[in-house]
N, C-alpha and C. Protein backbone atom coordinates (compact mmCIF):
# COMPACT_ATOMS: atom_id res chain seq x y z
N MET A 1 -35.01 -15.22 5.83
CA MET A 1 -34.85 -16.58 6.27
C MET A 1 -34.50 -16.56 7.76
N ALA A 2 -35.27 -17.19 8.56
CA ALA A 2 -35.06 -17.22 10.00
C ALA A 2 -33.99 -18.25 10.32
N ALA A 3 -33.04 -17.87 11.18
CA ALA A 3 -31.99 -18.78 11.59
C ALA A 3 -32.49 -19.62 12.76
N THR A 4 -32.09 -20.87 12.77
CA THR A 4 -32.47 -21.74 13.88
C THR A 4 -31.56 -21.47 15.07
N LEU A 5 -31.97 -21.92 16.22
CA LEU A 5 -31.16 -21.74 17.42
C LEU A 5 -29.81 -22.44 17.27
N ASP A 6 -29.80 -23.63 16.70
CA ASP A 6 -28.54 -24.35 16.47
C ASP A 6 -27.61 -23.55 15.56
N GLU A 7 -28.17 -22.97 14.51
CA GLU A 7 -27.38 -22.16 13.57
C GLU A 7 -26.79 -20.95 14.28
N LEU A 8 -27.59 -20.27 15.09
CA LEU A 8 -27.10 -19.10 15.83
C LEU A 8 -26.01 -19.49 16.82
N GLU A 9 -26.17 -20.61 17.51
CA GLU A 9 -25.16 -21.07 18.46
C GLU A 9 -23.85 -21.39 17.74
N ARG A 10 -23.94 -22.01 16.57
CA ARG A 10 -22.75 -22.35 15.79
C ARG A 10 -22.03 -21.08 15.33
N ARG A 11 -22.79 -20.11 14.85
CA ARG A 11 -22.21 -18.86 14.39
C ARG A 11 -21.58 -18.08 15.54
N LEU A 12 -22.22 -18.08 16.70
CA LEU A 12 -21.69 -17.39 17.87
C LEU A 12 -20.38 -18.04 18.32
N ALA A 13 -20.34 -19.35 18.33
CA ALA A 13 -19.12 -20.06 18.72
C ALA A 13 -17.98 -19.73 17.76
N ALA A 14 -18.25 -19.68 16.46
CA ALA A 14 -17.24 -19.35 15.47
C ALA A 14 -16.74 -17.92 15.68
N LEU A 15 -17.66 -17.02 15.99
CA LEU A 15 -17.30 -15.63 16.24
C LEU A 15 -16.42 -15.51 17.48
N GLU A 16 -16.76 -16.23 18.53
CA GLU A 16 -15.96 -16.19 19.76
C GLU A 16 -14.55 -16.71 19.51
N VAL A 17 -14.42 -17.75 18.71
CA VAL A 17 -13.10 -18.29 18.37
C VAL A 17 -12.30 -17.24 17.60
N GLU A 18 -12.92 -16.58 16.66
CA GLU A 18 -12.24 -15.56 15.86
C GLU A 18 -11.81 -14.38 16.72
N VAL A 19 -12.66 -13.92 17.63
CA VAL A 19 -12.31 -12.81 18.52
C VAL A 19 -11.14 -13.21 19.41
N ALA A 20 -11.14 -14.43 19.93
CA ALA A 20 -10.04 -14.89 20.77
C ALA A 20 -8.74 -14.94 19.98
N ARG A 21 -8.82 -15.39 18.74
CA ARG A 21 -7.63 -15.45 17.88
C ARG A 21 -7.08 -14.05 17.62
N LEU A 22 -7.95 -13.10 17.35
CA LEU A 22 -7.51 -11.72 17.11
C LEU A 22 -6.91 -11.10 18.37
N ARG A 23 -7.52 -11.36 19.52
CA ARG A 23 -6.96 -10.84 20.78
C ARG A 23 -5.56 -11.37 21.01
N GLU A 24 -5.37 -12.66 20.75
CA GLU A 24 -4.07 -13.29 20.91
C GLU A 24 -3.05 -12.64 19.99
N ARG A 25 -3.46 -12.42 18.78
CA ARG A 25 -2.55 -11.87 17.77
C ARG A 25 -2.09 -10.46 18.12
N PHE A 26 -2.98 -9.64 18.65
CA PHE A 26 -2.66 -8.24 18.89
C PHE A 26 -2.35 -7.92 20.35
N GLU A 27 -2.32 -8.93 21.19
CA GLU A 27 -2.06 -8.71 22.60
C GLU A 27 -0.58 -8.38 22.81
N LEU A 28 -0.33 -7.42 23.70
CA LEU A 28 1.05 -7.05 24.02
C LEU A 28 1.65 -8.12 24.92
N PRO A 29 2.96 -8.25 24.87
CA PRO A 29 3.60 -9.22 25.77
C PRO A 29 3.37 -8.79 27.22
N PRO A 30 3.44 -9.74 28.17
CA PRO A 30 3.23 -9.40 29.58
C PRO A 30 4.15 -8.26 30.00
N GLY A 31 3.56 -7.25 30.64
CA GLY A 31 4.33 -6.11 31.10
C GLY A 31 4.70 -5.13 30.00
N GLY A 32 4.32 -5.43 28.76
CA GLY A 32 4.65 -4.55 27.64
C GLY A 32 3.79 -3.30 27.64
N GLN A 33 4.34 -2.23 27.18
CA GLN A 33 3.62 -0.97 27.06
C GLN A 33 3.39 -0.68 25.59
N PRO A 34 2.34 0.09 25.26
CA PRO A 34 2.11 0.43 23.86
C PRO A 34 3.33 1.02 23.18
N GLU A 35 4.13 1.82 23.91
CA GLU A 35 5.33 2.41 23.30
C GLU A 35 6.29 1.30 22.87
N ASN A 36 6.38 0.26 23.68
CA ASN A 36 7.26 -0.85 23.34
C ASN A 36 6.82 -1.53 22.05
N ALA A 37 5.52 -1.64 21.88
CA ALA A 37 5.00 -2.26 20.66
C ALA A 37 5.39 -1.43 19.45
N TRP A 38 5.28 -0.10 19.55
CA TRP A 38 5.67 0.77 18.42
C TRP A 38 7.17 0.68 18.18
N GLU A 39 7.93 0.64 19.25
CA GLU A 39 9.38 0.52 19.11
C GLU A 39 9.74 -0.79 18.41
N GLU A 40 9.04 -1.85 18.77
CA GLU A 40 9.29 -3.15 18.15
C GLU A 40 8.95 -3.11 16.65
N MET A 41 7.83 -2.49 16.32
CA MET A 41 7.46 -2.37 14.90
C MET A 41 8.49 -1.55 14.13
N ALA A 42 8.96 -0.45 14.73
CA ALA A 42 9.96 0.39 14.09
C ALA A 42 11.27 -0.38 13.91
N ARG A 43 11.65 -1.15 14.92
CA ARG A 43 12.88 -1.94 14.82
C ARG A 43 12.79 -2.95 13.69
N ARG A 44 11.66 -3.67 13.62
CA ARG A 44 11.48 -4.66 12.56
C ARG A 44 11.47 -4.00 11.19
N SER A 45 10.87 -2.82 11.11
CA SER A 45 10.82 -2.10 9.85
C SER A 45 12.23 -1.73 9.39
N ARG A 46 13.03 -1.21 10.32
CA ARG A 46 14.42 -0.85 9.98
C ARG A 46 15.21 -2.08 9.55
N GLU A 47 15.00 -3.19 10.23
CA GLU A 47 15.72 -4.43 9.90
C GLU A 47 15.34 -4.96 8.52
N SER A 48 14.08 -4.81 8.14
CA SER A 48 13.63 -5.37 6.86
C SER A 48 13.86 -4.43 5.67
N GLN A 49 14.23 -3.17 5.94
CA GLN A 49 14.39 -2.20 4.86
C GLN A 49 15.43 -2.60 3.82
N PRO A 50 16.63 -3.09 4.21
CA PRO A 50 17.60 -3.47 3.17
C PRO A 50 17.07 -4.54 2.21
N ALA A 51 16.36 -5.54 2.74
CA ALA A 51 15.81 -6.59 1.88
C ALA A 51 14.74 -6.01 0.96
N LEU A 52 13.93 -5.10 1.48
CA LEU A 52 12.90 -4.46 0.67
C LEU A 52 13.53 -3.63 -0.45
N THR A 53 14.56 -2.88 -0.11
CA THR A 53 15.24 -2.06 -1.10
C THR A 53 15.86 -2.92 -2.20
N THR A 54 16.50 -4.02 -1.80
CA THR A 54 17.10 -4.93 -2.77
C THR A 54 16.04 -5.53 -3.69
N ALA A 55 14.93 -5.95 -3.12
CA ALA A 55 13.85 -6.54 -3.93
C ALA A 55 13.27 -5.51 -4.89
N TRP A 56 13.12 -4.27 -4.42
CA TRP A 56 12.58 -3.20 -5.27
C TRP A 56 13.51 -2.95 -6.46
N LYS A 57 14.82 -2.84 -6.19
CA LYS A 57 15.78 -2.60 -7.27
C LYS A 57 15.80 -3.75 -8.26
N LYS A 58 15.69 -4.98 -7.77
CA LYS A 58 15.66 -6.15 -8.66
C LYS A 58 14.41 -6.12 -9.54
N MET A 59 13.27 -5.77 -8.94
CA MET A 59 12.03 -5.70 -9.72
C MET A 59 12.16 -4.67 -10.83
N LEU A 60 12.68 -3.49 -10.51
CA LEU A 60 12.86 -2.46 -11.54
C LEU A 60 13.79 -2.94 -12.64
N GLN A 61 14.87 -3.61 -12.25
CA GLN A 61 15.82 -4.14 -13.23
C GLN A 61 15.15 -5.20 -14.11
N ASP A 62 14.39 -6.11 -13.49
CA ASP A 62 13.69 -7.16 -14.25
C ASP A 62 12.70 -6.57 -15.24
N LEU A 63 12.10 -5.43 -14.87
CA LEU A 63 11.13 -4.78 -15.75
C LEU A 63 11.80 -3.88 -16.78
N GLY A 64 13.12 -3.73 -16.68
CA GLY A 64 13.84 -2.90 -17.62
C GLY A 64 13.70 -1.40 -17.36
N ILE A 65 13.38 -1.05 -16.12
CA ILE A 65 13.22 0.35 -15.75
C ILE A 65 14.56 0.84 -15.20
N PRO A 66 15.18 1.82 -15.87
CA PRO A 66 16.51 2.26 -15.41
C PRO A 66 16.42 3.02 -14.09
N GLU A 67 17.50 2.93 -13.32
CA GLU A 67 17.57 3.65 -12.06
C GLU A 67 18.09 5.05 -12.36
N VAL A 68 17.30 6.06 -12.07
CA VAL A 68 17.67 7.44 -12.34
C VAL A 68 17.47 8.28 -11.08
N GLU A 69 18.15 9.41 -11.05
CA GLU A 69 17.97 10.34 -9.94
C GLU A 69 16.67 11.10 -10.15
N PRO A 70 15.87 11.26 -9.11
CA PRO A 70 14.63 12.02 -9.26
C PRO A 70 14.92 13.50 -9.48
N VAL A 71 13.98 14.16 -10.18
CA VAL A 71 14.09 15.61 -10.38
C VAL A 71 12.93 16.28 -9.67
N GLY A 72 13.11 17.52 -9.29
CA GLY A 72 12.05 18.26 -8.62
C GLY A 72 10.98 18.70 -9.60
N ALA A 73 9.87 19.21 -9.05
CA ALA A 73 8.73 19.62 -9.88
C ALA A 73 9.10 20.75 -10.84
N GLU A 74 9.86 21.74 -10.36
CA GLU A 74 10.23 22.86 -11.24
C GLU A 74 11.11 22.40 -12.38
N LYS A 75 12.08 21.53 -12.10
CA LYS A 75 12.97 21.01 -13.14
C LYS A 75 12.16 20.18 -14.15
N LEU A 76 11.22 19.38 -13.66
CA LEU A 76 10.38 18.59 -14.54
C LEU A 76 9.57 19.48 -15.47
N GLN A 77 9.02 20.56 -14.93
CA GLN A 77 8.25 21.50 -15.76
C GLN A 77 9.14 22.13 -16.82
N GLU A 78 10.38 22.48 -16.46
CA GLU A 78 11.33 23.03 -17.43
C GLU A 78 11.60 22.02 -18.54
N MET A 79 11.82 20.76 -18.14
CA MET A 79 12.11 19.71 -19.12
C MET A 79 10.93 19.50 -20.06
N MET A 80 9.71 19.53 -19.52
CA MET A 80 8.53 19.35 -20.35
C MET A 80 8.38 20.51 -21.33
N LEU A 81 8.60 21.73 -20.87
CA LEU A 81 8.53 22.90 -21.76
C LEU A 81 9.56 22.78 -22.88
N ALA A 82 10.79 22.32 -22.52
CA ALA A 82 11.85 22.16 -23.51
C ALA A 82 11.47 21.12 -24.57
N GLU A 83 10.64 20.16 -24.21
CA GLU A 83 10.19 19.13 -25.15
C GLU A 83 8.96 19.56 -25.95
N GLY A 84 8.48 20.77 -25.67
CA GLY A 84 7.35 21.29 -26.43
C GLY A 84 5.98 20.97 -25.84
N ILE A 85 5.96 20.49 -24.61
CA ILE A 85 4.68 20.19 -23.96
C ILE A 85 4.18 21.48 -23.31
N ARG A 86 3.02 21.92 -23.74
CA ARG A 86 2.46 23.17 -23.21
C ARG A 86 1.47 22.85 -22.09
N PRO A 87 1.63 23.50 -20.93
CA PRO A 87 0.73 23.22 -19.79
C PRO A 87 -0.74 23.45 -20.13
N GLU A 88 -1.03 24.42 -20.96
CA GLU A 88 -2.43 24.72 -21.27
C GLU A 88 -3.11 23.63 -22.09
N ASP A 89 -2.32 22.72 -22.67
CA ASP A 89 -2.92 21.61 -23.44
C ASP A 89 -3.51 20.54 -22.53
N ASN A 90 -3.10 20.52 -21.28
CA ASN A 90 -3.59 19.51 -20.32
C ASN A 90 -3.51 18.11 -20.89
N ILE A 91 -2.39 17.78 -21.53
CA ILE A 91 -2.26 16.51 -22.24
C ILE A 91 -2.44 15.30 -21.31
N LEU A 92 -1.88 15.38 -20.10
CA LEU A 92 -2.01 14.24 -19.19
C LEU A 92 -3.46 14.03 -18.77
N SER A 93 -4.11 15.10 -18.36
CA SER A 93 -5.51 15.01 -17.94
C SER A 93 -6.38 14.52 -19.09
N SER A 94 -6.12 15.04 -20.28
CA SER A 94 -6.91 14.65 -21.45
C SER A 94 -6.77 13.15 -21.72
N GLU A 95 -5.56 12.63 -21.62
CA GLU A 95 -5.35 11.20 -21.88
C GLU A 95 -6.02 10.34 -20.82
N ILE A 96 -5.97 10.77 -19.57
CA ILE A 96 -6.63 10.02 -18.50
C ILE A 96 -8.13 9.97 -18.75
N ILE A 97 -8.70 11.08 -19.13
CA ILE A 97 -10.14 11.14 -19.43
C ILE A 97 -10.49 10.22 -20.59
N LYS A 98 -9.66 10.23 -21.64
CA LYS A 98 -9.90 9.35 -22.80
C LYS A 98 -9.85 7.88 -22.38
N MET A 99 -8.89 7.54 -21.56
CA MET A 99 -8.77 6.15 -21.11
C MET A 99 -9.99 5.73 -20.29
N ARG A 100 -10.47 6.62 -19.43
CA ARG A 100 -11.66 6.31 -18.64
C ARG A 100 -12.86 6.09 -19.54
N GLU A 101 -13.02 6.96 -20.52
CA GLU A 101 -14.17 6.85 -21.44
C GLU A 101 -14.10 5.55 -22.22
N ARG A 102 -12.89 5.16 -22.66
CA ARG A 102 -12.76 3.90 -23.41
C ARG A 102 -13.08 2.70 -22.53
N SER A 103 -12.70 2.76 -21.25
CA SER A 103 -12.92 1.63 -20.36
C SER A 103 -14.40 1.47 -20.01
N ARG A 104 -15.17 2.54 -20.13
CA ARG A 104 -16.60 2.46 -19.83
C ARG A 104 -17.42 1.92 -20.99
N GLN A 105 -16.81 1.89 -22.16
CA GLN A 105 -17.57 1.44 -23.36
C GLN A 105 -17.66 -0.05 -23.42
C-alpha cells in the first residue's frame, strides 16, 4: 500500500515530536557531566532501597512465604541428600521437561 504525501508528512511530524520528547527526557542538566548523571541515579537508588525492601518483605508476608536465612549451594546439596534426593535422578530437570511437554499439548 503506497503512502500518500500527506500521510508521510503526518508520520514524520509525529516522529519528530517523539524524538524531541525523548531528547528532553534523557538530556543532562546544563553543565552536567555523564558521571553526575550516574551519581544521581545511584543516589536515588540508595534512597529508594528502604521502601523497596519494606514492600518486598510485605509481599512475602502477604503470600505466606516465611523469611529465612539463605543457605549456600553445598549446604543445600547436603540437605537434599539427607532428604533422599539423589542427584542422578535429575528430579528438577525431569519435572521442568514434563511441565513444558504438558504446556505444548
